[in-house]
Amino acid sequence: MEYTISGQALERLRKTCKLRLTISVILAVAVYLAVLGFTVWVFFLGNPEMGARLDAPLSEKLVTAVGGPIVIAVLAWALFYWLIVRPEYDRFNNLFKNKYVISTIQEIGVFQDLSYQPRGGLTHDEIRSAAVVACGDKRRFESEDMLSGRYQGLRFRYCDVSTAHMRGSGKHRREEILFHGQVMHFASFDEIKKSSGHLQIFEKKLASTLIGWTAEHEIHTENEAFNRRFRVFAANEHNAFYILTPKMLEQITQFADQADTQIAISFCGSSMFVAIDRLYSILDASFHVPVPEQKQSILKDVELLRRAGELLILEASTFHKREEG
């Protein structure tokens, strides 16, 4: 039987991590007070014959007496964190990702063949071909924490993606993050239809830097509320309207409402990609939030994944079958 970990055991580990963090902070404060006391004595109270800097300018005394201890305390805290907190957090995070998240999702009972690959993810070429977000420079592309499986026969992949590129020139070059969030890939968005070329849907509030290259034609649907919220680009206008039925437009809007953040969708061939623009990931553990609350966040995000399959794929397909029948 595959080893799993209970929420209670994980909560104990989380509290241990938090306790170690508190200890590291206390130690850093102790270092700060010790160094502060020493600098005050050197600059204000010491005996000149013992090397005290009583004749130093007041500004120098204040900067050194206050700033020096802060720098040393921060460095000390970083060392304490690395030695005391990080090993326990890595253990907690590893169990959270590899055992707890998977077992929590399996409890729902709607996904099959679930697997988790910490170092797995979508490739730069896949994101570039999908054209769901700007892919940036290949050397600054990252994708990890891939969850894969099947939902009612539909294969999916869900992973963290970060894209960036360099801006400026010479000494003024800096990295600019284009997209940081999650991308879902469904191997088939409709068991009957296929997209002829790319069909892309972007929320208008989505930052322009998040949008990469777009298909040739920008089109407008018959749904004015949808047009006010989204921009649609298509390689084949006729094919786009074949896919974007009134029901599909309604499903996309409902999905975006539930996501409660900026989304982008790309159809290409028989694949659908969905990008969710946000900084956090369901697979990252936090020792500041109780495990039961983190479980609710997992269930909420997994429901979003399910709704992507249900609203954008299965219900739309069922609607098409009713129409064609």
C-alpha atoms as a PDB file:
ATOM      1  CA  MET A   1       0.000   0.000   0.000  1.00  0.00           C
ATOM      2  CA  GLU A   2       1.340   3.433  -0.954  1.00  0.00           C
ATOM      3  CA  TYR A   3       2.398   5.531   1.992  1.00  0.00           C
ATOM      4  CA  THR A   4       0.236   8.585   2.717  1.00  0.00           C
ATOM      5  CA  ILE A   5       0.268  11.146   5.498  1.00  0.00           C
ATOM      6  CA  SER A   6      -2.724  12.364   7.470  1.00  0.00           C
ATOM      7  CA  GLY A   7      -3.685  15.975   7.857  1.00  0.00           C
ATOM      8  CA  GLN A   8      -3.067  15.722  11.620  1.00  0.00           C
ATOM      9  CA  ALA A   9       0.509  14.469  11.149  1.00  0.00           C
ATOM     10  CA  LEU A  10       1.188  17.165   8.575  1.00  0.00           C
ATOM     11  CA  GLU A  11      -0.232  19.813  10.884  1.00  0.00           C
ATOM     12  CA  ARG A  12       2.224  18.724  13.590  1.00  0.00           C
ATOM     13  CA  LEU A  13       5.074  19.119  11.105  1.00  0.00           C
ATOM     14  CA  ARG A  14       3.778  22.553  10.148  1.00  0.00           C
ATOM     15  CA  LYS A  15       3.729  23.665  13.789  1.00  0.00           C
ATOM     16  CA  THR A  16       7.283  22.360  14.201  1.00  0.00           C
ATOM     17  CA  CYS A  17       8.372  24.441  11.207  1.00  0.00           C
ATOM     18  CA  LYS A  18       6.667  27.511  12.619  1.00  0.00           C
ATOM     19  CA  LEU A  19       8.273  26.945  16.034  1.00  0.00           C
ATOM     20  CA  ARG A  20      11.695  26.685  14.418  1.00  0.00           C
ATOM     21  CA  LEU A  21      11.016  29.900  12.523  1.00  0.00           C
ATOM     22  CA  THR A  22      10.143  31.632  15.793  1.00  0.00           C
ATOM     23  CA  ILE A  23      13.354  30.316  17.380  1.00  0.00           C
ATOM     24  CA  SER A  24      15.413  31.604  14.431  1.00  0.00           C
ATOM     25  CA  VAL A  25      13.837  35.055  14.814  1.00  0.00           C
ATOM     26  CA  ILE A  26      14.499  35.085  18.571  1.00  0.00           C
ATOM     27  CA  LEU A  27      18.132  34.150  17.977  1.00  0.00           C
ATOM     28  CA  ALA A  28      18.475  36.876  15.350  1.00  0.00           C
ATOM     29  CA  VAL A  29      16.980  39.439  17.767  1.00  0.00           C
ATOM     30  CA  ALA A  30      19.440  38.285  20.426  1.00  0.00           C
ATOM     31  CA  VAL A  31      22.302  38.806  17.980  1.00  0.00           C
ATOM     32  CA  TYR A  32      20.957  42.263  17.148  1.00  0.00           C
ATOM     33  CA  LEU A  33      20.736  43.293  20.798  1.00  0.00           C
ATOM     34  CA  ALA A  34      24.219  41.967  21.518  1.00  0.00           C
ATOM     35  CA  VAL A  35      25.778  43.796  18.579  1.00  0.00           C
ATOM     36  CA  LEU A  36      23.749  46.936  19.317  1.00  0.00           C
ATOM     37  CA  GLY A  37      24.995  46.947  22.910  1.00  0.00           C
ATOM     38  CA  PHE A  38      28.565  46.560  21.727  1.00  0.00           C
ATOM     39  CA  THR A  39      28.345  49.397  19.163  1.00  0.00           C
ATOM     40  CA  VAL A  40      26.681  51.738  21.688  1.00  0.00           C
ATOM     41  CA  TRP A  41      29.512  51.080  24.114  1.00  0.00           C
ATOM     42  CA  VAL A  42      32.176  51.624  21.401  1.00  0.00           C
ATOM     43  CA  PHE A  43      30.733  54.909  20.116  1.00  0.00           C
ATOM     44  CA  PHE A  44      29.158  56.476  23.187  1.00  0.00           C
ATOM     45  CA  LEU A  45      30.179  54.921  26.493  1.00  0.00           C
ATOM     46  CA  GLY A  46      33.560  53.258  26.047  1.00  0.00           C
ATOM     47  CA  ASN A  47      36.955  54.309  27.302  1.00  0.00           C
ATOM     48  CA  PRO A  48      39.021  56.024  24.531  1.00  0.00           C
ATOM     49  CA  GLU A  49      42.103  54.239  25.796  1.00  0.00           C
ATOM     50  CA  MET A  50      40.351  50.931  24.933  1.00  0.00           C
ATOM     51  CA  GLY A  51      39.623  51.981  21.359  1.00  0.00           C
ATOM     52  CA  ALA A  52      36.191  53.564  21.831  1.00  0.00           C
ATOM     53  CA  ARG A  53      35.174  55.975  19.018  1.00  0.00           C
ATOM     54  CA  LEU A  54      34.004  58.824  21.222  1.00  0.00           C
ATOM     55  CA  ASP A  55      35.386  61.465  18.871  1.00  0.00           C
ATOM     56  CA  ALA A  56      33.588  60.163  15.776  1.00  0.00           C
ATOM     57  CA  PRO A  57      30.953  62.442  14.126  1.00  0.00           C
ATOM     58  CA  LEU A  58      27.426  61.996  15.499  1.00  0.00           C
ATOM     59  CA  SER A  59      26.037  60.966  12.079  1.00  0.00           C
ATOM     60  CA  GLU A  60      28.680  58.253  11.777  1.00  0.00           C
ATOM     61  CA  LYS A  61      27.907  57.048  15.289  1.00  0.00           C
ATOM     62  CA  LEU A  62      24.166  56.803  14.580  1.00  0.00           C
ATOM     63  CA  VAL A  63      24.534  55.080  11.202  1.00  0.00           C
ATOM     64  CA  THR A  64      27.006  52.533  12.517  1.00  0.00           C
ATOM     65  CA  ALA A  65      25.261  51.996  15.851  1.00  0.00           C
ATOM     66  CA  VAL A  66      21.858  51.385  14.223  1.00  0.00           C
ATOM     67  CA  GLY A  67      22.633  50.090  10.727  1.00  0.00           C
ATOM     68  CA  GLY A  68      25.503  47.766  11.557  1.00  0.00           C
ATOM     69  CA  PRO A  69      23.579  45.604  14.049  1.00  0.00           C
ATOM     70  CA  ILE A  70      20.625  45.347  11.640  1.00  0.00           C
ATOM     71  CA  VAL A  71      22.812  44.043   8.802  1.00  0.00           C
ATOM     72  CA  ILE A  72      24.540  41.544  11.084  1.00  0.00           C
ATOM     73  CA  ALA A  73      21.187  40.395  12.546  1.00  0.00           C
ATOM     74  CA  VAL A  74      19.700  39.840   9.077  1.00  0.00           C
ATOM     75  CA  LEU A  75      22.729  37.784   8.041  1.00  0.00           C
ATOM     76  CA  ALA A  76      22.498  35.819  11.287  1.00  0.00           C
ATOM     77  CA  TRP A  77      18.796  35.153  10.719  1.00  0.00           C
ATOM     78  CA  ALA A  78      19.516  33.889   7.183  1.00  0.00           C
ATOM     79  CA  LEU A  79      22.075  31.472   8.646  1.00  0.00           C
ATOM     80  CA  PHE A  80      19.712  30.315  11.398  1.00  0.00           C
ATOM     81  CA  TYR A  81      16.911  29.862   8.839  1.00  0.00           C
ATOM     82  CA  TRP A  82      19.152  27.761   6.601  1.00  0.00           C
ATOM     83  CA  LEU A  83      20.351  25.593   9.480  1.00  0.00           C
ATOM     84  CA  ILE A  84      17.231  25.338  11.651  1.00  0.00           C
ATOM     85  CA  VAL A  85      14.133  26.027   9.548  1.00  0.00           C
ATOM     86  CA  ARG A  86      14.913  25.021   5.962  1.00  0.00           C
ATOM     87  CA  PRO A  87      15.572  21.273   6.518  1.00  0.00           C
ATOM     88  CA  GLU A  88      12.286  20.831   8.383  1.00  0.00           C
ATOM     89  CA  TYR A  89      10.356  22.925   5.867  1.00  0.00           C
ATOM     90  CA  ASP A  90      11.785  20.908   2.956  1.00  0.00           C
ATOM     91  CA  ARG A  91      10.567  17.733   4.652  1.00  0.00           C
ATOM     92  CA  PHE A  92       7.149  19.276   5.314  1.00  0.00           C
ATOM     93  CA  ASN A  93       6.834  20.626   1.764  1.00  0.00           C
ATOM     94  CA  ASN A  94       7.949  17.330   0.206  1.00  0.00           C
ATOM     95  CA  LEU A  95       5.336  15.339   2.143  1.00  0.00           C
ATOM     96  CA  PHE A  96       2.711  17.984   1.371  1.00  0.00           C
ATOM     97  CA  LYS A  97       3.348  17.840  -2.373  1.00  0.00           C
ATOM     98  CA  ASN A  98       4.046  14.151  -2.867  1.00  0.00           C
ATOM     99  CA  LYS A  99       1.599  12.633  -0.400  1.00  0.00           C
ATOM    100  CA  TYR A 100      -1.002  14.998   0.976  1.00  0.00           C
ATOM    101  CA  VAL A 101      -2.010  16.884  -2.191  1.00  0.00           C
ATOM    102  CA  ILE A 102      -2.373  13.696  -4.239  1.00  0.00           C
ATOM    103  CA  SER A 103      -4.333  11.867  -1.527  1.00  0.00           C
ATOM    104  CA  THR A 104      -6.584  14.917  -1.043  1.00  0.00           C
ATOM    105  CA  ILE A 105      -7.373  15.054  -4.766  1.00  0.00           C
ATOM    106  CA  GLN A 106      -7.950  11.297  -4.895  1.00  0.00           C
ATOM    107  CA  GLU A 107     -10.521  11.613  -2.107  1.00  0.00           C
ATOM    108  CA  ILE A 108     -12.721  13.615  -4.480  1.00  0.00           C
ATOM    109  CA  GLY A 109     -13.006  10.542  -6.708  1.00  0.00           C
ATOM    110  CA  VAL A 110     -13.407  12.329 -10.066  1.00  0.00           C
ATOM    111  CA  PHE A 111      -9.843  12.044 -11.392  1.00  0.00           C
ATOM    112  CA  GLN A 112      -8.062   8.906 -12.551  1.00  0.00           C
ATOM    113  CA  ASP A 113      -4.407   7.958 -13.105  1.00  0.00           C
ATOM    114  CA  LEU A 114      -3.153  10.869 -11.036  1.00  0.00           C
ATOM    115  CA  SER A 115       0.587  11.413 -10.922  1.00  0.00           C
ATOM    116  CA  TYR A 116       2.827  14.191  -9.661  1.00  0.00           C
ATOM    117  CA  GLN A 117       6.250  15.117 -11.023  1.00  0.00           C
ATOM    118  CA  PRO A 118       8.106  17.804  -9.023  1.00  0.00           C
ATOM    119  CA  ARG A 119      10.450  18.518 -11.922  1.00  0.00           C
ATOM    120  CA  GLY A 120       7.926  17.872 -14.672  1.00  0.00           C
ATOM    121  CA  GLY A 121       6.111  20.528 -16.664  1.00  0.00           C
ATOM    122  CA  LEU A 122       5.218  21.907 -20.054  1.00  0.00           C
ATOM    123  CA  THR A 123       8.134  22.799 -22.304  1.00  0.00           C
ATOM    124  CA  HIS A 124       9.000  26.208 -23.701  1.00  0.00           C
ATOM    125  CA  ASP A 125       8.147  24.950 -27.195  1.00  0.00           C
ATOM    126  CA  GLU A 126       4.717  23.777 -26.027  1.00  0.00           C
ATOM    127  CA  ILE A 127       3.889  27.150 -24.468  1.00  0.00           C
ATOM    128  CA  ARG A 128       5.159  28.945 -27.575  1.00  0.00           C
ATOM    129  CA  SER A 129       3.088  26.698 -29.850  1.00  0.00           C
ATOM    130  CA  ALA A 130       0.017  27.020 -27.644  1.00  0.00           C
ATOM    131  CA  ALA A 131       0.248  30.855 -27.738  1.00  0.00           C
ATOM    132  CA  VAL A 132      -1.792  31.054 -24.542  1.00  0.00           C
ATOM    133  CA  VAL A 133       0.720  33.398 -22.836  1.00  0.00           C
ATOM    134  CA  ALA A 134       3.923  35.141 -23.855  1.00  0.00           C
ATOM    135  CA  CYS A 135       6.673  32.507 -23.711  1.00  0.00           C
ATOM    136  CA  GLY A 136       9.653  34.856 -23.251  1.00  0.00           C
ATOM    137  CA  ASP A 137      13.278  33.750 -23.461  1.00  0.00           C
ATOM    138  CA  LYS A 138      13.931  30.024 -23.400  1.00  0.00           C
ATOM    139  CA  ARG A 139      16.753  30.412 -20.864  1.00  0.00           C
ATOM    140  CA  ARG A 140      14.401  32.185 -18.452  1.00  0.00           C
ATOM    141  CA  PHE A 141      11.498  29.793 -18.871  1.00  0.00           C
ATOM    142  CA  GLU A 142      10.530  27.598 -15.913  1.00  0.00           C
ATOM    143  CA  SER A 143       7.871  24.935 -15.498  1.00  0.00           C
ATOM    144  CA  GLU A 144       7.542  22.491 -12.620  1.00  0.00           C
ATOM    145  CA  ASP A 145       5.185  20.733 -10.222  1.00  0.00           C
ATOM    146  CA  MET A 146       3.200  18.915 -12.899  1.00  0.00           C
ATOM    147  CA  LEU A 147      -0.007  17.146 -11.937  1.00  0.00           C
ATOM    148  CA  SER A 148      -1.383  14.871 -14.646  1.00  0.00           C
ATOM    149  CA  GLY A 149      -4.211  12.396 -15.007  1.00  0.00           C
ATOM    150  CA  ARG A 150      -7.590  11.860 -16.623  1.00  0.00           C
ATOM    151  CA  TYR A 151     -10.972  13.434 -16.051  1.00  0.00           C
ATOM    152  CA  GLN A 152     -13.821  11.418 -17.559  1.00  0.00           C
ATOM    153  CA  GLY A 153     -11.485  10.108 -20.223  1.00  0.00           C
ATOM    154  CA  LEU A 154      -9.862  13.464 -20.968  1.00  0.00           C
ATOM    155  CA  ARG A 155      -6.129  13.581 -20.342  1.00  0.00           C
ATOM    156  CA  PHE A 156      -4.859  16.710 -18.658  1.00  0.00           C
ATOM    157  CA  ARG A 157      -1.658  18.272 -17.397  1.00  0.00           C
ATOM    158  CA  TYR A 158      -1.566  21.031 -14.808  1.00  0.00           C
ATOM    159  CA  CYS A 159       1.673  22.761 -13.828  1.00  0.00           C
ATOM    160  CA  ASP A 160       3.327  25.973 -12.711  1.00  0.00           C
ATOM    161  CA  VAL A 161       4.775  28.101 -15.492  1.00  0.00           C
ATOM    162  CA  SER A 162       6.949  31.206 -15.332  1.00  0.00           C
ATOM    163  CA  THR A 163       8.074  33.134 -18.404  1.00  0.00           C
ATOM    164  CA  ALA A 164      10.394  36.145 -18.608  1.00  0.00           C
ATOM    165  CA  HIS A 165      12.682  38.071 -20.895  1.00  0.00           C
ATOM    166  CA  MET A 166      15.465  40.623 -20.610  1.00  0.00           C
ATOM    167  CA  ARG A 167      14.789  44.312 -21.169  1.00  0.00           C
ATOM    168  CA  GLY A 168      17.170  47.207 -21.704  1.00  0.00           C
ATOM    169  CA  SER A 169      20.764  47.043 -22.816  1.00  0.00           C
ATOM    170  CA  GLY A 170      24.247  47.036 -21.329  1.00  0.00           C
ATOM    171  CA  LYS A 171      24.345  47.681 -17.604  1.00  0.00           C
ATOM    172  CA  HIS A 172      20.652  48.535 -17.617  1.00  0.00           C
ATOM    173  CA  ARG A 173      19.517  45.053 -18.637  1.00  0.00           C
ATOM    174  CA  ARG A 174      16.992  43.538 -16.264  1.00  0.00           C
ATOM    175  CA  GLU A 175      14.715  40.528 -16.199  1.00  0.00           C
ATOM    176  CA  GLU A 176      11.017  41.198 -16.678  1.00  0.00           C
ATOM    177  CA  ILE A 177       8.486  38.565 -15.638  1.00  0.00           C
ATOM    178  CA  LEU A 178       5.859  38.079 -18.340  1.00  0.00           C
ATOM    179  CA  PHE A 179       3.690  35.395 -16.796  1.00  0.00           C
ATOM    180  CA  HIS A 180       3.660  33.528 -13.509  1.00  0.00           C
ATOM    181  CA  GLY A 181       0.849  31.133 -12.760  1.00  0.00           C
ATOM    182  CA  GLN A 182      -0.587  27.800 -13.799  1.00  0.00           C
ATOM    183  CA  VAL A 183      -1.313  26.350 -17.214  1.00  0.00           C
ATOM    184  CA  MET A 184      -3.753  23.501 -17.870  1.00  0.00           C
ATOM    185  CA  HIS A 185      -3.516  21.406 -20.991  1.00  0.00           C
ATOM    186  CA  PHE A 186      -6.350  19.154 -22.116  1.00  0.00           C
ATOM    187  CA  ALA A 187      -5.510  16.695 -24.870  1.00  0.00           C
ATOM    188  CA  SER A 188      -8.973  17.124 -26.397  1.00  0.00           C
ATOM    189  CA  PHE A 189     -11.356  20.034 -25.933  1.00  0.00           C
ATOM    190  CA  ASP A 190     -14.176  18.495 -27.938  1.00  0.00           C
ATOM    191  CA  GLU A 191     -14.596  14.938 -29.149  1.00  0.00           C
ATOM    192  CA  ILE A 192     -16.150  16.164 -32.424  1.00  0.00           C
ATOM    193  CA  LYS A 193     -14.650  19.537 -33.282  1.00  0.00           C
ATOM    194  CA  LYS A 194     -11.078  20.661 -33.872  1.00  0.00           C
ATOM    195  CA  SER A 195      -9.683  24.141 -34.124  1.00  0.00           C
ATOM    196  CA  SER A 196      -8.323  25.044 -37.546  1.00  0.00           C
ATOM    197  CA  GLY A 197      -5.239  26.991 -36.506  1.00  0.00           C
ATOM    198  CA  HIS A 198      -5.190  28.980 -33.295  1.00  0.00           C
ATOM    199  CA  LEU A 199      -8.229  30.373 -31.536  1.00  0.00           C
ATOM    200  CA  GLN A 200      -7.243  32.577 -28.586  1.00  0.00           C
ATOM    201  CA  ILE A 201      -9.343  34.241 -25.898  1.00  0.00           C
ATOM    202  CA  PHE A 202      -7.755  36.865 -23.623  1.00  0.00           C
ATOM    203  CA  GLU A 203      -9.387  38.934 -20.914  1.00  0.00           C
ATOM    204  CA  LYS A 204      -9.059  42.602 -21.778  1.00  0.00           C
ATOM    205  CA  LYS A 205      -7.755  43.361 -18.280  1.00  0.00           C
ATOM    206  CA  LEU A 206      -4.855  40.956 -18.931  1.00  0.00           C
ATOM    207  CA  ALA A 207      -1.606  42.907 -19.078  1.00  0.00           C
ATOM    208  CA  SER A 208      -0.334  43.308 -22.622  1.00  0.00           C
ATOM    209  CA  THR A 209       3.021  41.764 -21.652  1.00  0.00           C
ATOM    210  CA  LEU A 210       1.227  38.497 -20.864  1.00  0.00           C
ATOM    211  CA  ILE A 211      -0.063  38.166 -24.402  1.00  0.00           C
ATOM    212  CA  GLY A 212       2.412  36.722 -26.869  1.00  0.00           C
ATOM    213  CA  TRP A 213       1.844  36.439 -30.584  1.00  0.00           C
ATOM    214  CA  THR A 214      -1.763  36.337 -31.753  1.00  0.00           C
ATOM    215  CA  ALA A 215      -3.614  34.818 -34.680  1.00  0.00           C
ATOM    216  CA  GLU A 216      -4.288  36.940 -37.755  1.00  0.00           C
ATOM    217  CA  HIS A 217      -7.924  37.902 -37.278  1.00  0.00           C
ATOM    218  CA  GLU A 218      -9.445  39.665 -34.267  1.00  0.00           C
ATOM    219  CA  ILE A 219     -13.111  38.775 -34.221  1.00  0.00           C
ATOM    220  CA  HIS A 220     -16.207  39.896 -32.335  1.00  0.00           C
ATOM    221  CA  THR A 221     -18.951  37.557 -31.225  1.00  0.00           C
ATOM    222  CA  GLU A 222     -22.676  38.278 -31.132  1.00  0.00           C
ATOM    223  CA  ASN A 223     -22.453  38.436 -27.327  1.00  0.00           C
ATOM    224  CA  GLU A 224     -21.712  42.088 -26.495  1.00  0.00           C
ATOM    225  CA  ALA A 225     -21.050  41.389 -22.811  1.00  0.00           C
ATOM    226  CA  PHE A 226     -18.462  38.805 -23.856  1.00  0.00           C
ATOM    227  CA  ASN A 227     -16.885  41.260 -26.310  1.00  0.00           C
ATOM    228  CA  ARG A 228     -16.537  43.894 -23.583  1.00  0.00           C
ATOM    229  CA  ARG A 229     -14.655  41.445 -21.372  1.00  0.00           C
ATOM    230  CA  PHE A 230     -12.604  39.373 -23.830  1.00  0.00           C
ATOM    231  CA  ARG A 231     -10.527  39.747 -26.996  1.00  0.00           C
ATOM    232  CA  VAL A 232     -10.683  36.892 -29.489  1.00  0.00           C
ATOM    233  CA  PHE A 233      -8.108  36.109 -32.172  1.00  0.00           C
ATOM    234  CA  ALA A 234      -8.489  33.392 -34.782  1.00  0.00           C
ATOM    235  CA  ALA A 235      -6.582  31.967 -37.712  1.00  0.00           C
ATOM    236  CA  ASN A 236      -9.864  30.850 -39.285  1.00  0.00           C
ATOM    237  CA  GLU A 237     -12.875  33.069 -38.628  1.00  0.00           C
ATOM    238  CA  HIS A 238     -15.473  30.561 -39.828  1.00  0.00           C
ATOM    239  CA  ASN A 239     -13.998  27.802 -37.679  1.00  0.00           C
ATOM    240  CA  ALA A 240     -13.866  30.155 -34.671  1.00  0.00           C
ATOM    241  CA  PHE A 241     -17.609  30.798 -34.791  1.00  0.00           C
ATOM    242  CA  TYR A 242     -18.188  27.059 -35.177  1.00  0.00           C
ATOM    243  CA  ILE A 243     -16.409  26.503 -31.846  1.00  0.00           C
ATOM    244  CA  LEU A 244     -17.534  29.646 -29.998  1.00  0.00           C
ATOM    245  CA  THR A 245     -21.219  28.850 -29.810  1.00  0.00           C
ATOM    246  CA  PRO A 246     -23.429  30.908 -27.464  1.00  0.00           C
ATOM    247  CA  LYS A 247     -23.206  28.073 -24.971  1.00  0.00           C
ATOM    248  CA  MET A 248     -19.398  27.997 -25.135  1.00  0.00           C
ATOM    249  CA  LEU A 249     -19.233  31.777 -24.583  1.00  0.00           C
ATOM    250  CA  GLU A 250     -21.414  31.360 -21.527  1.00  0.00           C
ATOM    251  CA  GLN A 251     -19.205  28.550 -20.200  1.00  0.00           C
ATOM    252  CA  ILE A 252     -16.018  30.576 -20.674  1.00  0.00           C
ATOM    253  CA  THR A 253     -17.529  33.532 -18.826  1.00  0.00           C
ATOM    254  CA  GLN A 254     -18.646  31.316 -15.938  1.00  0.00           C
ATOM    255  CA  PHE A 255     -15.204  29.740 -15.726  1.00  0.00           C
ATOM    256  CA  ALA A 256     -13.516  33.163 -15.659  1.00  0.00           C
ATOM    257  CA  ASP A 257     -15.883  34.273 -12.901  1.00  0.00           C
ATOM    258  CA  GLN A 258     -15.006  31.252 -10.792  1.00  0.00           C
ATOM    259  CA  ALA A 259     -11.270  31.640 -11.388  1.00  0.00           C
ATOM    260  CA  ASP A 260     -11.484  35.132  -9.862  1.00  0.00           C
ATOM    261  CA  THR A 261      -8.263  36.124 -11.608  1.00  0.00           C
ATOM    262  CA  GLN A 262      -7.078  36.799 -15.146  1.00  0.00           C
ATOM    263  CA  ILE A 263      -7.323  33.857 -17.549  1.00  0.00           C
ATOM    264  CA  ALA A 264      -6.366  33.123 -21.142  1.00  0.00           C
ATOM    265  CA  ILE A 265      -7.531  30.237 -23.341  1.00  0.00           C
ATOM    266  CA  SER A 266      -6.072  28.846 -26.526  1.00  0.00           C
ATOM    267  CA  PHE A 267      -7.552  26.173 -28.807  1.00  0.00           C
ATOM    268  CA  CYS A 268      -5.306  24.535 -31.360  1.00  0.00           C
ATOM    269  CA  GLY A 269      -6.080  21.346 -33.200  1.00  0.00           C
ATOM    270  CA  SER A 270      -7.647  19.032 -30.636  1.00  0.00           C
ATOM    271  CA  SER A 271      -5.906  20.661 -27.652  1.00  0.00           C
ATOM    272  CA  MET A 272      -7.014  23.336 -25.244  1.00  0.00           C
ATOM    273  CA  PHE A 273      -4.688  25.349 -23.017  1.00  0.00           C
ATOM    274  CA  VAL A 274      -5.912  27.450 -20.087  1.00  0.00           C
ATOM    275  CA  ALA A 275      -3.603  29.913 -18.300  1.00  0.00           C
ATOM    276  CA  ILE A 276      -4.382  31.318 -14.849  1.00  0.00           C
ATOM    277  CA  ASP A 277      -2.370  34.386 -13.861  1.00  0.00           C
ATOM    278  CA  ARG A 278      -1.494  34.234 -10.155  1.00  0.00           C
ATOM    279  CA  LEU A 279       1.544  33.969  -7.908  1.00  0.00           C
ATOM    280  CA  TYR A 280       0.685  31.018  -5.674  1.00  0.00           C
ATOM    281  CA  SER A 281       0.405  27.313  -6.436  1.00  0.00           C
ATOM    282  CA  ILE A 282      -1.769  24.638  -4.826  1.00  0.00           C
ATOM    283  CA  LEU A 283       1.295  22.430  -4.590  1.00  0.00           C
ATOM    284  CA  ASP A 284       3.331  24.791  -2.415  1.00  0.00           C
ATOM    285  CA  ALA A 285       2.955  24.255   1.320  1.00  0.00           C
ATOM    286  CA  SER A 286       2.885  27.131   3.808  1.00  0.00           C
ATOM    287  CA  PHE A 287       3.796  26.789   7.474  1.00  0.00           C
ATOM    288  CA  HIS A 288       1.854  29.999   8.233  1.00  0.00           C
ATOM    289  CA  VAL A 289      -1.540  28.529   7.274  1.00  0.00           C
ATOM    290  CA  PRO A 290      -3.134  25.580   9.138  1.00  0.00           C
ATOM    291  CA  VAL A 291      -3.260  22.400   7.053  1.00  0.00           C
ATOM    292  CA  PRO A 292      -7.104  22.189   7.128  1.00  0.00           C
ATOM    293  CA  GLU A 293      -7.244  25.644   5.510  1.00  0.00           C
ATOM    294  CA  GLN A 294      -4.657  24.611   2.936  1.00  0.00           C
ATOM    295  CA  LYS A 295      -6.771  21.550   2.170  1.00  0.00           C
ATOM    296  CA  GLN A 296      -9.726  23.807   1.381  1.00  0.00           C
ATOM    297  CA  SER A 297      -7.506  25.806  -0.998  1.00  0.00           C
ATOM    298  CA  ILE A 298      -6.461  22.571  -2.715  1.00  0.00           C
ATOM    299  CA  LEU A 299     -10.083  21.509  -3.128  1.00  0.00           C
ATOM    300  CA  LYS A 300     -11.002  24.947  -4.478  1.00  0.00           C
ATOM    301  CA  ASP A 301      -8.225  24.867  -7.070  1.00  0.00           C
ATOM    302  CA  VAL A 302      -8.945  21.273  -8.050  1.00  0.00           C
ATOM    303  CA  GLU A 303     -12.562  22.257  -8.530  1.00  0.00           C
ATOM    304  CA  LEU A 304     -11.297  24.927 -10.923  1.00  0.00           C
ATOM    305  CA  LEU A 305      -9.435  22.230 -12.844  1.00  0.00           C
ATOM    306  CA  ARG A 306     -12.559  20.080 -12.924  1.00  0.00           C
ATOM    307  CA  ARG A 307     -14.670  23.000 -14.091  1.00  0.00           C
ATOM    308  CA  ALA A 308     -12.215  23.674 -16.903  1.00  0.00           C
ATOM    309  CA  GLY A 309     -12.936  20.175 -18.132  1.00  0.00           C
ATOM    310  CA  GLU A 310     -16.629  20.253 -17.311  1.00  0.00           C
ATOM    311  CA  LEU A 311     -17.609  23.740 -18.415  1.00  0.00           C
ATOM    312  CA  LEU A 312     -15.253  24.258 -21.321  1.00  0.00           C
ATOM    313  CA  ILE A 313     -15.284  20.750 -22.715  1.00  0.00           C
ATOM    314  CA  LEU A 314     -17.862  18.240 -21.630  1.00  0.00           C
ATOM    315  CA  GLU A 315     -20.922  20.474 -21.274  1.00  0.00           C
ATOM    316  CA  ALA A 316     -20.118  22.246 -24.534  1.00  0.00           C
ATOM    317  CA  SER A 317     -19.733  18.884 -26.275  1.00  0.00           C
ATOM    318  CA  THR A 318     -23.012  17.647 -24.815  1.00  0.00           C
ATOM    319  CA  PHE A 319     -24.702  20.832 -26.015  1.00  0.00           C
ATOM    320  CA  HIS A 320     -23.360  20.304 -29.545  1.00  0.00           C
ATOM    321  CA  LYS A 321     -24.641  16.716 -29.559  1.00  0.00           C
ATOM    322  CA  ARG A 322     -28.111  17.851 -28.505  1.00  0.00           C
ATOM    323  CA  GLU A 323     -28.094  20.437 -31.292  1.00  0.00           C
ATOM    324  CA  GLU A 324     -26.917  17.969 -33.910  1.00  0.00           C
ATOM    325  CA  GLY A 325     -29.281  15.259 -32.709  1.00  0.00           C
END
